[in-house]
């Protein structure tokens, strides 16, 4: 019975492992245009459902209380949008003296400047028993806060880059997913 209790407690992590294993065994199900239509289901339906469910579970008093925790939200925004990107930038300065591919470093810089995915932040906060109300408020504030992604990318792409390079499309896709 102890194993069953543990599985009930860790249902989310077990689900993630099973989803990854399923994707490894049959990747064609989750590709764009595949049966799951992730370009629609993930981008629109899943994120909206996560926020809708989170919103239904929030009490009005808790939401009002979370809105006034300005210091908490300020800390989260500074950590996410300033401290972490600055730390990644310093790390990249160290990596730039190694023979690592320049575009790989630019990709790491891009990812380091992005806020965490909205849906993951809410779900993982709930899974570990965190303050879901404050997380939801902070996530909404974070989405409305301009990300340093744009300023970090400005000037980082050489003008001699061929127009067919996929970086602009990937950056736009990543940025739109982060905002969704």
C-alpha atoms as a PDB file:
ATOM      1  CA  UNK A   1       0.000   0.000   0.000  1.00  0.00           C
ATOM      2  CA  UNK A   2       2.966   2.342   0.533  1.00  0.00           C
ATOM      3  CA  UNK A   3       3.833   2.275  -3.179  1.00  0.00           C
ATOM      4  CA  UNK A   4       0.266   3.221  -4.099  1.00  0.00           C
ATOM      5  CA  UNK A   5       0.358   6.160  -1.661  1.00  0.00           C
ATOM      6  CA  UNK A   6       3.639   7.350  -3.142  1.00  0.00           C
ATOM      7  CA  UNK A   7       2.249   7.092  -6.675  1.00  0.00           C
ATOM      8  CA  UNK A   8      -0.817   9.145  -5.684  1.00  0.00           C
ATOM      9  CA  UNK A   9       1.422  11.781  -4.162  1.00  0.00           C
ATOM     10  CA  UNK A  10       3.765  11.910  -7.179  1.00  0.00           C
ATOM     11  CA  UNK A  11       1.082  11.609  -9.864  1.00  0.00           C
ATOM     12  CA  UNK A  12       2.286  14.674 -11.746  1.00  0.00           C
ATOM     13  CA  UNK A  13       5.902  13.539 -12.063  1.00  0.00           C
ATOM     14  CA  UNK A  14       4.784  10.041 -13.047  1.00  0.00           C
ATOM     15  CA  UNK A  15       2.565  11.611 -15.710  1.00  0.00           C
ATOM     16  CA  UNK A  16       5.487  13.656 -17.049  1.00  0.00           C
ATOM     17  CA  UNK A  17       7.700  10.545 -17.255  1.00  0.00           C
ATOM     18  CA  UNK A  18       4.944   8.600 -19.029  1.00  0.00           C
ATOM     19  CA  UNK A  19       4.352  11.472 -21.477  1.00  0.00           C
ATOM     20  CA  UNK A  20       8.067  11.653 -22.275  1.00  0.00           C
ATOM     21  CA  UNK A  21       8.264   7.880 -22.708  1.00  0.00           C
ATOM     22  CA  UNK A  22       5.201   7.938 -24.971  1.00  0.00           C
ATOM     23  CA  UNK A  23       6.703  10.747 -27.042  1.00  0.00           C
ATOM     24  CA  UNK A  24       9.933   8.777 -27.388  1.00  0.00           C
ATOM     25  CA  UNK A  25       8.093   5.642 -28.517  1.00  0.00           C
ATOM     26  CA  UNK A  26       5.721   7.370 -30.950  1.00  0.00           C
ATOM     27  CA  UNK A  27       6.902  10.916 -31.772  1.00  0.00           C
ATOM     28  CA  UNK A  28       4.667  11.246 -34.843  1.00  0.00           C
ATOM     29  CA  UNK A  29       1.601  11.732 -32.630  1.00  0.00           C
ATOM     30  CA  UNK A  30       2.847  15.048 -31.239  1.00  0.00           C
ATOM     31  CA  UNK A  31       4.401  16.673 -34.314  1.00  0.00           C
ATOM     32  CA  UNK A  32       2.855  19.776 -35.903  1.00  0.00           C
ATOM     33  CA  UNK A  33       0.014  18.623 -38.093  1.00  0.00           C
ATOM     34  CA  UNK A  34      -0.148  15.269 -36.269  1.00  0.00           C
ATOM     35  CA  UNK A  35      -3.217  13.777 -34.583  1.00  0.00           C
ATOM     36  CA  UNK A  36      -2.817  15.887 -31.411  1.00  0.00           C
ATOM     37  CA  UNK A  37      -2.459  19.155 -33.389  1.00  0.00           C
ATOM     38  CA  UNK A  38      -0.074  20.700 -30.803  1.00  0.00           C
ATOM     39  CA  UNK A  39       0.041  23.969 -32.733  1.00  0.00           C
ATOM     40  CA  UNK A  40      -3.565  24.434 -31.589  1.00  0.00           C
ATOM     41  CA  UNK A  41      -4.030  22.243 -28.523  1.00  0.00           C
ATOM     42  CA  UNK A  42      -0.867  23.297 -26.699  1.00  0.00           C
ATOM     43  CA  UNK A  43      -0.691  26.934 -27.763  1.00  0.00           C
ATOM     44  CA  UNK A  44      -4.311  27.798 -27.089  1.00  0.00           C
ATOM     45  CA  UNK A  45      -6.413  25.114 -25.434  1.00  0.00           C
ATOM     46  CA  UNK A  46      -3.938  23.724 -22.856  1.00  0.00           C
ATOM     47  CA  UNK A  47      -2.690  27.100 -21.592  1.00  0.00           C
ATOM     48  CA  UNK A  48      -6.227  28.509 -21.397  1.00  0.00           C
ATOM     49  CA  UNK A  49      -7.435  25.392 -19.568  1.00  0.00           C
ATOM     50  CA  UNK A  50      -4.595  25.576 -17.041  1.00  0.00           C
ATOM     51  CA  UNK A  51      -5.340  29.210 -16.246  1.00  0.00           C
ATOM     52  CA  UNK A  52      -9.089  28.589 -16.168  1.00  0.00           C
ATOM     53  CA  UNK A  53      -8.669  25.703 -13.711  1.00  0.00           C
ATOM     54  CA  UNK A  54      -6.260  27.720 -11.601  1.00  0.00           C
ATOM     55  CA  UNK A  55      -8.665  30.635 -11.576  1.00  0.00           C
ATOM     56  CA  UNK A  56     -11.562  28.433 -10.479  1.00  0.00           C
ATOM     57  CA  UNK A  57      -9.566  27.124  -7.534  1.00  0.00           C
ATOM     58  CA  UNK A  58      -8.528  30.595  -6.283  1.00  0.00           C
ATOM     59  CA  UNK A  59     -10.498  32.227  -3.518  1.00  0.00           C
ATOM     60  CA  UNK A  60     -11.307  35.897  -4.027  1.00  0.00           C
ATOM     61  CA  UNK A  61      -9.807  36.805  -0.637  1.00  0.00           C
ATOM     62  CA  UNK A  62      -6.557  34.999  -1.499  1.00  0.00           C
ATOM     63  CA  UNK A  63      -6.399  36.699  -4.880  1.00  0.00           C
ATOM     64  CA  UNK A  64      -6.917  40.138  -3.338  1.00  0.00           C
ATOM     65  CA  UNK A  65      -4.282  39.350  -0.716  1.00  0.00           C
ATOM     66  CA  UNK A  66      -1.816  38.136  -3.354  1.00  0.00           C
ATOM     67  CA  UNK A  67      -2.240  41.305  -5.411  1.00  0.00           C
ATOM     68  CA  UNK A  68      -0.837  43.442  -2.584  1.00  0.00           C
ATOM     69  CA  UNK A  69       2.326  41.341  -2.059  1.00  0.00           C
ATOM     70  CA  UNK A  70       4.300  43.815  -4.132  1.00  0.00           C
ATOM     71  CA  UNK A  71       7.674  42.906  -2.579  1.00  0.00           C
ATOM     72  CA  UNK A  72       7.195  39.218  -3.419  1.00  0.00           C
ATOM     73  CA  UNK A  73       6.258  39.960  -7.024  1.00  0.00           C
ATOM     74  CA  UNK A  74       9.052  42.499  -7.379  1.00  0.00           C
ATOM     75  CA  UNK A  75      11.535  39.899  -6.113  1.00  0.00           C
ATOM     76  CA  UNK A  76      10.222  37.279  -8.549  1.00  0.00           C
ATOM     77  CA  UNK A  77      10.355  39.686 -11.502  1.00  0.00           C
ATOM     78  CA  UNK A  78      13.862  40.914 -10.671  1.00  0.00           C
ATOM     79  CA  UNK A  79      15.108  37.355 -10.190  1.00  0.00           C
ATOM     80  CA  UNK A  80      13.474  36.076 -13.371  1.00  0.00           C
ATOM     81  CA  UNK A  81      14.060  39.029 -15.686  1.00  0.00           C
ATOM     82  CA  UNK A  82      17.330  40.505 -14.347  1.00  0.00           C
ATOM     83  CA  UNK A  83      19.322  38.271 -11.994  1.00  0.00           C
ATOM     84  CA  UNK A  84      18.957  35.014 -13.938  1.00  0.00           C
ATOM     85  CA  UNK A  85      19.696  36.578 -17.371  1.00  0.00           C
ATOM     86  CA  UNK A  86      22.710  38.405 -15.882  1.00  0.00           C
ATOM     87  CA  UNK A  87      23.974  35.138 -14.379  1.00  0.00           C
ATOM     88  CA  UNK A  88      23.543  33.375 -17.712  1.00  0.00           C
ATOM     89  CA  UNK A  89      25.357  36.255 -19.440  1.00  0.00           C
ATOM     90  CA  UNK A  90      28.318  35.890 -17.051  1.00  0.00           C
ATOM     91  CA  UNK A  91      28.312  32.131 -17.631  1.00  0.00           C
ATOM     92  CA  UNK A  92      28.281  32.744 -21.391  1.00  0.00           C
ATOM     93  CA  UNK A  93      31.288  35.040 -21.052  1.00  0.00           C
ATOM     94  CA  UNK A  94      33.172  32.086 -19.585  1.00  0.00           C
ATOM     95  CA  UNK A  95      31.889  29.732 -22.273  1.00  0.00           C
ATOM     96  CA  UNK A  96      32.791  32.159 -25.075  1.00  0.00           C
ATOM     97  CA  UNK A  97      36.500  31.392 -24.598  1.00  0.00           C
ATOM     98  CA  UNK A  98      35.815  27.706 -25.297  1.00  0.00           C
ATOM     99  CA  UNK A  99      35.368  26.205 -28.769  1.00  0.00           C
ATOM    100  CA  UNK A 100      31.571  25.929 -28.316  1.00  0.00           C
ATOM    101  CA  UNK A 101      29.565  26.946 -31.390  1.00  0.00           C
ATOM    102  CA  UNK A 102      28.629  30.651 -31.354  1.00  0.00           C
ATOM    103  CA  UNK A 103      24.997  29.955 -32.308  1.00  0.00           C
ATOM    104  CA  UNK A 104      24.629  27.481 -29.459  1.00  0.00           C
ATOM    105  CA  UNK A 105      25.782  30.217 -27.058  1.00  0.00           C
ATOM    106  CA  UNK A 106      23.310  32.674 -28.598  1.00  0.00           C
ATOM    107  CA  UNK A 107      20.542  30.115 -28.165  1.00  0.00           C
ATOM    108  CA  UNK A 108      21.464  29.669 -24.510  1.00  0.00           C
ATOM    109  CA  UNK A 109      21.464  33.453 -24.134  1.00  0.00           C
ATOM    110  CA  UNK A 110      17.987  33.640 -25.659  1.00  0.00           C
ATOM    111  CA  UNK A 111      16.580  30.921 -23.411  1.00  0.00           C
ATOM    112  CA  UNK A 112      18.275  32.478 -20.370  1.00  0.00           C
ATOM    113  CA  UNK A 113      16.439  35.747 -20.985  1.00  0.00           C
ATOM    114  CA  UNK A 114      13.000  34.228 -21.277  1.00  0.00           C
ATOM    115  CA  UNK A 115      10.614  33.889 -18.351  1.00  0.00           C
ATOM    116  CA  UNK A 116       9.570  30.334 -17.478  1.00  0.00           C
ATOM    117  CA  UNK A 117       6.657  28.933 -19.459  1.00  0.00           C
ATOM    118  CA  UNK A 118       3.451  30.231 -17.940  1.00  0.00           C
ATOM    119  CA  UNK A 119       1.608  26.928 -17.711  1.00  0.00           C
ATOM    120  CA  UNK A 120       4.574  25.075 -16.210  1.00  0.00           C
ATOM    121  CA  UNK A 121       5.091  27.697 -13.519  1.00  0.00           C
ATOM    122  CA  UNK A 122       1.496  27.434 -12.327  1.00  0.00           C
ATOM    123  CA  UNK A 123       1.315  23.626 -12.482  1.00  0.00           C
ATOM    124  CA  UNK A 124       4.670  23.031 -10.781  1.00  0.00           C
ATOM    125  CA  UNK A 125       3.885  25.552  -8.021  1.00  0.00           C
ATOM    126  CA  UNK A 126       0.643  23.705  -7.332  1.00  0.00           C
ATOM    127  CA  UNK A 127       2.356  20.295  -7.476  1.00  0.00           C
ATOM    128  CA  UNK A 128       4.906  21.208  -4.788  1.00  0.00           C
ATOM    129  CA  UNK A 129       2.331  22.848  -2.528  1.00  0.00           C
ATOM    130  CA  UNK A 130       3.476  26.421  -3.186  1.00  0.00           C
ATOM    131  CA  UNK A 131       1.369  29.558  -3.031  1.00  0.00           C
ATOM    132  CA  UNK A 132      -0.595  29.092  -6.223  1.00  0.00           C
ATOM    133  CA  UNK A 133      -2.424  32.385  -5.897  1.00  0.00           C
ATOM    134  CA  UNK A 134       0.775  34.424  -5.664  1.00  0.00           C
ATOM    135  CA  UNK A 135       2.280  32.408  -8.516  1.00  0.00           C
ATOM    136  CA  UNK A 136      -0.703  33.085 -10.755  1.00  0.00           C
ATOM    137  CA  UNK A 137      -0.615  36.816  -9.993  1.00  0.00           C
ATOM    138  CA  UNK A 138       3.155  36.935 -10.477  1.00  0.00           C
ATOM    139  CA  UNK A 139       2.891  35.045 -13.753  1.00  0.00           C
ATOM    140  CA  UNK A 140       0.273  37.446 -15.079  1.00  0.00           C
ATOM    141  CA  UNK A 141       2.460  40.379 -14.032  1.00  0.00           C
ATOM    142  CA  UNK A 142       5.496  38.711 -15.588  1.00  0.00           C
ATOM    143  CA  UNK A 143       3.751  38.259 -18.908  1.00  0.00           C
ATOM    144  CA  UNK A 144       2.861  41.931 -18.942  1.00  0.00           C
ATOM    145  CA  UNK A 145       6.423  42.951 -18.035  1.00  0.00           C
ATOM    146  CA  UNK A 146       8.693  43.499 -21.057  1.00  0.00           C
ATOM    147  CA  UNK A 147      11.250  40.741 -21.270  1.00  0.00           C
ATOM    148  CA  UNK A 148      14.942  41.537 -21.745  1.00  0.00           C
ATOM    149  CA  UNK A 149      14.886  39.039 -24.604  1.00  0.00           C
ATOM    150  CA  UNK A 150      14.539  41.756 -27.214  1.00  0.00           C
ATOM    151  CA  UNK A 151      17.386  43.868 -25.886  1.00  0.00           C
ATOM    152  CA  UNK A 152      19.679  40.849 -25.523  1.00  0.00           C
ATOM    153  CA  UNK A 153      18.981  39.791 -29.100  1.00  0.00           C
ATOM    154  CA  UNK A 154      19.502  43.268 -30.570  1.00  0.00           C
ATOM    155  CA  UNK A 155      22.928  43.324 -32.124  1.00  0.00           C
ATOM    156  CA  UNK A 156      23.600  39.663 -31.362  1.00  0.00           C
ATOM    157  CA  UNK A 157      22.637  38.478 -34.840  1.00  0.00           C
ATOM    158  CA  UNK A 158      25.280  39.379 -37.402  1.00  0.00           C
ATOM    159  CA  UNK A 159      23.971  41.354 -40.394  1.00  0.00           C
ATOM    160  CA  UNK A 160      25.678  38.924 -42.766  1.00  0.00           C
ATOM    161  CA  UNK A 161      23.297  36.159 -41.647  1.00  0.00           C
ATOM    162  CA  UNK A 162      21.497  34.645 -44.624  1.00  0.00           C
ATOM    163  CA  UNK A 163      17.793  35.573 -44.752  1.00  0.00           C
ATOM    164  CA  UNK A 164      16.803  31.900 -44.760  1.00  0.00           C
ATOM    165  CA  UNK A 165      18.263  31.366 -41.287  1.00  0.00           C
ATOM    166  CA  UNK A 166      15.620  29.946 -38.894  1.00  0.00           C
ATOM    167  CA  UNK A 167      16.590  32.126 -35.875  1.00  0.00           C
ATOM    168  CA  UNK A 168      13.975  34.869 -36.412  1.00  0.00           C
ATOM    169  CA  UNK A 169      11.187  32.311 -36.783  1.00  0.00           C
ATOM    170  CA  UNK A 170      12.347  30.313 -33.751  1.00  0.00           C
ATOM    171  CA  UNK A 171      12.659  33.470 -31.660  1.00  0.00           C
ATOM    172  CA  UNK A 172       9.175  34.619 -32.649  1.00  0.00           C
ATOM    173  CA  UNK A 173       7.714  31.186 -31.872  1.00  0.00           C
ATOM    174  CA  UNK A 174       9.467  30.985 -28.504  1.00  0.00           C
ATOM    175  CA  UNK A 175       8.438  34.492 -27.555  1.00  0.00           C
ATOM    176  CA  UNK A 176       4.790  33.920 -28.522  1.00  0.00           C
ATOM    177  CA  UNK A 177       4.657  30.680 -26.517  1.00  0.00           C
ATOM    178  CA  UNK A 178       6.129  32.468 -23.486  1.00  0.00           C
ATOM    179  CA  UNK A 179       3.462  35.159 -23.763  1.00  0.00           C
ATOM    180  CA  UNK A 180       0.607  32.700 -24.360  1.00  0.00           C
END
